[in-house]
Amino acid sequence: MPEVQIRSAVATDLPILMAIDHACKTDYVWQMDLQPQEDQVSVAFREMRLPRSVTVEYSRPVSSLADEWSRKVGMLVAILDKQQVGYTRITDRVVPRTAWITDLVVAPRFRKMGIGTALIMSAQNWALERKNLRIFIEMSSKQHPAISLAQKIGYEFCGYNDHYYANQDITLFFGRTLR
């Protein structure tokens, strides 16, 4: 892993972080299958290979992120070679004793270098310092790289919300207990 520094965001970081390409490329999505029956509804997700790679735009409009950043409790920035290369936003005001990672972004040329993992681990430390017992990450069902990362570092699928984002994407929730 490169020598990445994680620190709290400052106001001068915002324009730089907003300029990062928030989109991702993927060959897979999590497809939701809804199976209504007489007295119940079954929902299942399955990983589905796409016929070709697609670019998935970020689930939130990047132009509105500056306003939203001021409403979150924590924001951590990844620095590599004195350059802001990623960030995560965290809150613990959603569910008692639970932290919530709402954004995880790494600049495309720095992906697959462990920076996303470092941001999540730092978010977990932030959550523990604030006496939280659990942590969740939310992401679009189309963001397969983020889904794979969450699973790789021990997060388990624990729910979804249809039409959660303004673009109507399905949001997946992955969580874990903090120790």
C-alpha atoms as a PDB file:
ATOM      1  CA  MET A   1       0.000   0.000   0.000  1.00  0.00           C
ATOM      2  CA  PRO A   2       1.353   3.491  -0.789  1.00  0.00           C
ATOM      3  CA  GLU A   3       2.201   5.855   2.055  1.00  0.00           C
ATOM      4  CA  VAL A   4      -1.192   7.504   2.328  1.00  0.00           C
ATOM      5  CA  GLN A   5      -2.029  10.055   4.997  1.00  0.00           C
ATOM      6  CA  ILE A   6      -5.615  10.377   6.233  1.00  0.00           C
ATOM      7  CA  ARG A   7      -6.677  13.612   7.882  1.00  0.00           C
ATOM      8  CA  SER A   8      -9.814  15.625   8.566  1.00  0.00           C
ATOM      9  CA  ALA A   9     -10.964  17.796   5.684  1.00  0.00           C
ATOM     10  CA  VAL A  10     -10.529  21.540   5.670  1.00  0.00           C
ATOM     11  CA  ALA A  11     -12.469  24.076   3.602  1.00  0.00           C
ATOM     12  CA  THR A  12      -9.708  24.436   1.012  1.00  0.00           C
ATOM     13  CA  ASP A  13     -10.001  20.702   0.211  1.00  0.00           C
ATOM     14  CA  LEU A  14     -13.573  21.001  -1.079  1.00  0.00           C
ATOM     15  CA  PRO A  15     -12.947  22.365  -4.612  1.00  0.00           C
ATOM     16  CA  ILE A  16     -10.155  19.830  -5.161  1.00  0.00           C
ATOM     17  CA  LEU A  17     -12.286  16.918  -3.957  1.00  0.00           C
ATOM     18  CA  MET A  18     -15.272  18.033  -6.017  1.00  0.00           C
ATOM     19  CA  ALA A  19     -13.051  18.011  -9.125  1.00  0.00           C
ATOM     20  CA  ILE A  20     -12.247  14.300  -8.669  1.00  0.00           C
ATOM     21  CA  ASP A  21     -13.946  12.053 -11.212  1.00  0.00           C
ATOM     22  CA  HIS A  22     -16.565  10.343  -9.020  1.00  0.00           C
ATOM     23  CA  ALA A  23     -17.696   7.860 -11.721  1.00  0.00           C
ATOM     24  CA  CYS A  24     -16.513   4.252 -11.836  1.00  0.00           C
ATOM     25  CA  LYS A  25     -16.246   1.607 -14.520  1.00  0.00           C
ATOM     26  CA  THR A  26     -17.761  -1.811 -13.917  1.00  0.00           C
ATOM     27  CA  ASP A  27     -18.512  -5.114 -15.596  1.00  0.00           C
ATOM     28  CA  TYR A  28     -21.011  -6.170 -12.914  1.00  0.00           C
ATOM     29  CA  VAL A  29     -24.060  -4.895 -11.034  1.00  0.00           C
ATOM     30  CA  TRP A  30     -26.208  -6.312  -8.276  1.00  0.00           C
ATOM     31  CA  GLN A  31     -29.575  -7.010  -9.857  1.00  0.00           C
ATOM     32  CA  MET A  32     -32.676  -7.048  -7.648  1.00  0.00           C
ATOM     33  CA  ASP A  33     -35.267  -9.747  -8.289  1.00  0.00           C
ATOM     34  CA  LEU A  34     -38.668  -9.027  -6.751  1.00  0.00           C
ATOM     35  CA  GLN A  35     -40.955 -12.062  -6.499  1.00  0.00           C
ATOM     36  CA  PRO A  36     -44.449 -11.196  -5.267  1.00  0.00           C
ATOM     37  CA  GLN A  37     -46.426 -14.131  -3.928  1.00  0.00           C
ATOM     38  CA  GLU A  38     -49.865 -14.438  -2.395  1.00  0.00           C
ATOM     39  CA  ASP A  39     -49.040 -13.288   1.151  1.00  0.00           C
ATOM     40  CA  GLN A  40     -45.398 -12.239   0.933  1.00  0.00           C
ATOM     41  CA  VAL A  41     -42.799 -10.636  -1.281  1.00  0.00           C
ATOM     42  CA  SER A  42     -39.363 -12.154  -1.744  1.00  0.00           C
ATOM     43  CA  VAL A  43     -36.429  -9.995  -2.709  1.00  0.00           C
ATOM     44  CA  ALA A  44     -33.119 -11.400  -3.866  1.00  0.00           C
ATOM     45  CA  PHE A  45     -29.977  -9.778  -5.198  1.00  0.00           C
ATOM     46  CA  ARG A  46     -27.573 -11.451  -7.539  1.00  0.00           C
ATOM     47  CA  GLU A  47     -24.343 -10.344  -9.065  1.00  0.00           C
ATOM     48  CA  MET A  48     -24.861  -9.995 -12.785  1.00  0.00           C
ATOM     49  CA  ARG A  49     -22.165  -9.680 -15.445  1.00  0.00           C
ATOM     50  CA  LEU A  50     -22.909  -6.939 -17.957  1.00  0.00           C
ATOM     51  CA  PRO A  51     -22.433  -7.556 -21.693  1.00  0.00           C
ATOM     52  CA  ARG A  52     -19.801  -4.782 -21.745  1.00  0.00           C
ATOM     53  CA  SER A  53     -18.086  -2.422 -19.317  1.00  0.00           C
ATOM     54  CA  VAL A  54     -20.113   0.626 -18.383  1.00  0.00           C
ATOM     55  CA  THR A  55     -19.324   3.885 -16.659  1.00  0.00           C
ATOM     56  CA  VAL A  56     -21.483   4.420 -13.598  1.00  0.00           C
ATOM     57  CA  GLU A  57     -22.034   8.037 -12.643  1.00  0.00           C
ATOM     58  CA  TYR A  58     -21.909   8.906  -8.969  1.00  0.00           C
ATOM     59  CA  SER A  59     -25.234   8.514  -7.159  1.00  0.00           C
ATOM     60  CA  ARG A  60     -25.301  12.058  -5.843  1.00  0.00           C
ATOM     61  CA  PRO A  61     -24.836  15.193  -7.960  1.00  0.00           C
ATOM     62  CA  VAL A  62     -21.248  16.299  -7.345  1.00  0.00           C
ATOM     63  CA  SER A  63     -22.354  19.933  -7.667  1.00  0.00           C
ATOM     64  CA  SER A  64     -24.417  19.615  -4.470  1.00  0.00           C
ATOM     65  CA  LEU A  65     -21.718  17.938  -2.406  1.00  0.00           C
ATOM     66  CA  ALA A  66     -20.245  21.198  -1.059  1.00  0.00           C
ATOM     67  CA  ASP A  67     -23.549  22.024   0.648  1.00  0.00           C
ATOM     68  CA  GLU A  68     -23.985  18.469   1.934  1.00  0.00           C
ATOM     69  CA  TRP A  69     -20.446  18.233   3.340  1.00  0.00           C
ATOM     70  CA  SER A  70     -21.252  20.884   5.919  1.00  0.00           C
ATOM     71  CA  ARG A  71     -24.138  18.754   7.233  1.00  0.00           C
ATOM     72  CA  LYS A  72     -22.113  15.599   7.896  1.00  0.00           C
ATOM     73  CA  VAL A  73     -20.281  15.066  11.150  1.00  0.00           C
ATOM     74  CA  GLY A  74     -16.971  13.768   9.775  1.00  0.00           C
ATOM     75  CA  MET A  75     -15.046  14.043   6.567  1.00  0.00           C
ATOM     76  CA  LEU A  76     -11.680  12.410   6.032  1.00  0.00           C
ATOM     77  CA  VAL A  77      -9.319  13.129   3.162  1.00  0.00           C
ATOM     78  CA  ALA A  78      -6.655  10.814   1.718  1.00  0.00           C
ATOM     79  CA  ILE A  79      -3.370  12.544   0.867  1.00  0.00           C
ATOM     80  CA  LEU A  80      -0.714  10.916  -1.313  1.00  0.00           C
ATOM     81  CA  ASP A  81       2.418  12.832  -2.289  1.00  0.00           C
ATOM     82  CA  LYS A  82       0.866  16.058  -0.916  1.00  0.00           C
ATOM     83  CA  GLN A  83      -2.162  15.628  -3.190  1.00  0.00           C
ATOM     84  CA  GLN A  84      -5.796  15.040  -2.170  1.00  0.00           C
ATOM     85  CA  VAL A  85      -6.693  11.749  -3.849  1.00  0.00           C
ATOM     86  CA  GLY A  86      -9.906  10.698  -2.100  1.00  0.00           C
ATOM     87  CA  TYR A  87     -12.323  11.246   0.732  1.00  0.00           C
ATOM     88  CA  THR A  88     -15.041   9.707   2.832  1.00  0.00           C
ATOM     89  CA  ARG A  89     -17.941  11.330   4.647  1.00  0.00           C
ATOM     90  CA  ILE A  90     -19.251   9.858   7.889  1.00  0.00           C
ATOM     91  CA  THR A  91     -22.048  10.643  10.269  1.00  0.00           C
ATOM     92  CA  ASP A  92     -23.265   9.059  13.467  1.00  0.00           C
ATOM     93  CA  ARG A  93     -26.526  10.958  13.718  1.00  0.00           C
ATOM     94  CA  VAL A  94     -28.675   8.480  11.781  1.00  0.00           C
ATOM     95  CA  VAL A  95     -29.009   5.504  14.145  1.00  0.00           C
ATOM     96  CA  PRO A  96     -27.906   5.533  17.819  1.00  0.00           C
ATOM     97  CA  ARG A  97     -24.344   4.219  18.418  1.00  0.00           C
ATOM     98  CA  THR A  98     -23.937   3.579  14.705  1.00  0.00           C
ATOM     99  CA  ALA A  99     -21.681   5.342  12.203  1.00  0.00           C
ATOM    100  CA  TRP A 100     -22.702   5.729   8.581  1.00  0.00           C
ATOM    101  CA  ILE A 101     -20.312   6.125   5.638  1.00  0.00           C
ATOM    102  CA  THR A 102     -22.284   8.040   3.028  1.00  0.00           C
ATOM    103  CA  ASP A 103     -19.511   8.740   0.518  1.00  0.00           C
ATOM    104  CA  LEU A 104     -16.306   6.976  -0.434  1.00  0.00           C
ATOM    105  CA  VAL A 105     -14.447   8.413  -3.411  1.00  0.00           C
ATOM    106  CA  VAL A 106     -10.926   7.805  -4.740  1.00  0.00           C
ATOM    107  CA  ALA A 107      -9.562   9.499  -7.857  1.00  0.00           C
ATOM    108  CA  PRO A 108      -9.494   6.976 -10.748  1.00  0.00           C
ATOM    109  CA  ARG A 109      -5.735   6.827 -11.212  1.00  0.00           C
ATOM    110  CA  PHE A 110      -5.268   6.034  -7.494  1.00  0.00           C
ATOM    111  CA  ARG A 111      -7.863   3.251  -7.275  1.00  0.00           C
ATOM    112  CA  LYS A 112      -6.803  -0.321  -6.433  1.00  0.00           C
ATOM    113  CA  MET A 113      -3.898   1.009  -4.347  1.00  0.00           C
ATOM    114  CA  GLY A 114      -5.468   0.504  -0.906  1.00  0.00           C
ATOM    115  CA  ILE A 115      -6.606   4.104  -0.475  1.00  0.00           C
ATOM    116  CA  GLY A 116     -10.304   3.198  -0.217  1.00  0.00           C
ATOM    117  CA  THR A 117      -9.429   0.597   2.416  1.00  0.00           C
ATOM    118  CA  ALA A 118      -7.347   3.163   4.334  1.00  0.00           C
ATOM    119  CA  LEU A 119     -10.255   5.620   4.262  1.00  0.00           C
ATOM    120  CA  ILE A 120     -12.694   2.996   5.554  1.00  0.00           C
ATOM    121  CA  MET A 121     -10.301   1.886   8.320  1.00  0.00           C
ATOM    122  CA  SER A 122      -9.856   5.520   9.349  1.00  0.00           C
ATOM    123  CA  ALA A 123     -13.644   5.961   9.335  1.00  0.00           C
ATOM    124  CA  GLN A 124     -13.920   2.923  11.608  1.00  0.00           C
ATOM    125  CA  ASN A 125     -11.372   4.488  14.012  1.00  0.00           C
ATOM    126  CA  TRP A 126     -13.326   7.752  13.913  1.00  0.00           C
ATOM    127  CA  ALA A 127     -16.512   5.819  14.752  1.00  0.00           C
ATOM    128  CA  LEU A 128     -14.852   3.927  17.614  1.00  0.00           C
ATOM    129  CA  GLU A 129     -13.512   7.165  19.125  1.00  0.00           C
ATOM    130  CA  ARG A 130     -17.105   8.404  19.194  1.00  0.00           C
ATOM    131  CA  LYS A 131     -18.234   5.203  21.014  1.00  0.00           C
ATOM    132  CA  ASN A 132     -20.164   3.711  18.106  1.00  0.00           C
ATOM    133  CA  LEU A 133     -20.826  -0.044  18.082  1.00  0.00           C
ATOM    134  CA  ARG A 134     -21.621  -0.570  14.365  1.00  0.00           C
ATOM    135  CA  ILE A 135     -20.776   1.003  11.052  1.00  0.00           C
ATOM    136  CA  PHE A 136     -22.594   0.934   7.725  1.00  0.00           C
ATOM    137  CA  ILE A 137     -21.589   1.849   4.186  1.00  0.00           C
ATOM    138  CA  GLU A 138     -24.178   2.830   1.604  1.00  0.00           C
ATOM    139  CA  MET A 139     -23.649   2.494  -2.150  1.00  0.00           C
ATOM    140  CA  SER A 140     -25.530   2.097  -5.403  1.00  0.00           C
ATOM    141  CA  SER A 141     -26.211  -1.433  -6.624  1.00  0.00           C
ATOM    142  CA  LYS A 142     -24.275  -0.385  -9.744  1.00  0.00           C
ATOM    143  CA  GLN A 143     -21.053   0.426  -7.868  1.00  0.00           C
ATOM    144  CA  HIS A 144     -19.567  -3.054  -8.030  1.00  0.00           C
ATOM    145  CA  PRO A 145     -16.011  -1.963  -7.150  1.00  0.00           C
ATOM    146  CA  ALA A 146     -17.293  -0.481  -3.867  1.00  0.00           C
ATOM    147  CA  ILE A 147     -19.409  -3.568  -3.164  1.00  0.00           C
ATOM    148  CA  SER A 148     -16.377  -5.811  -3.696  1.00  0.00           C
ATOM    149  CA  LEU A 149     -14.233  -3.639  -1.420  1.00  0.00           C
ATOM    150  CA  ALA A 150     -16.815  -3.672   1.369  1.00  0.00           C
ATOM    151  CA  GLN A 151     -17.121  -7.460   1.222  1.00  0.00           C
ATOM    152  CA  LYS A 152     -13.346  -7.929   1.036  1.00  0.00           C
ATOM    153  CA  ILE A 153     -12.809  -6.052   4.301  1.00  0.00           C
ATOM    154  CA  GLY A 154     -15.531  -7.859   6.224  1.00  0.00           C
ATOM    155  CA  TYR A 155     -18.717  -5.892   5.662  1.00  0.00           C
ATOM    156  CA  GLU A 156     -21.881  -7.919   5.156  1.00  0.00           C
ATOM    157  CA  PHE A 157     -24.928  -7.062   3.074  1.00  0.00           C
ATOM    158  CA  CYS A 158     -27.651  -5.976   5.483  1.00  0.00           C
ATOM    159  CA  GLY A 159     -30.316  -4.188   3.483  1.00  0.00           C
ATOM    160  CA  TYR A 160     -31.377  -1.998   0.615  1.00  0.00           C
ATOM    161  CA  ASN A 161     -33.589   0.942  -0.246  1.00  0.00           C
ATOM    162  CA  ASP A 162     -35.190   1.258  -3.645  1.00  0.00           C
ATOM    163  CA  HIS A 163     -35.164   4.791  -5.141  1.00  0.00           C
ATOM    164  CA  TYR A 164     -32.955   6.119  -2.309  1.00  0.00           C
ATOM    165  CA  TYR A 165     -30.915   8.477  -4.454  1.00  0.00           C
ATOM    166  CA  ALA A 166     -32.288  11.302  -6.610  1.00  0.00           C
ATOM    167  CA  ASN A 167     -31.306   9.285  -9.710  1.00  0.00           C
ATOM    168  CA  GLN A 168     -33.593   6.460  -8.473  1.00  0.00           C
ATOM    169  CA  ASP A 169     -30.759   3.929  -8.012  1.00  0.00           C
ATOM    170  CA  ILE A 170     -31.172   1.108  -5.527  1.00  0.00           C
ATOM    171  CA  THR A 171     -28.969   1.646  -2.501  1.00  0.00           C
ATOM    172  CA  LEU A 172     -27.282  -1.298  -0.832  1.00  0.00           C
ATOM    173  CA  PHE A 173     -26.228  -1.221   2.808  1.00  0.00           C
ATOM    174  CA  PHE A 174     -23.264  -3.168   4.133  1.00  0.00           C
ATOM    175  CA  GLY A 175     -22.409  -3.219   7.825  1.00  0.00           C
ATOM    176  CA  ARG A 176     -20.171  -4.631  10.493  1.00  0.00           C
ATOM    177  CA  THR A 177     -19.694  -4.574  14.229  1.00  0.00           C
ATOM    178  CA  LEU A 178     -16.845  -2.400  15.483  1.00  0.00           C
ATOM    179  CA  ARG A 179     -14.317  -3.829  17.912  1.00  0.00           C
END
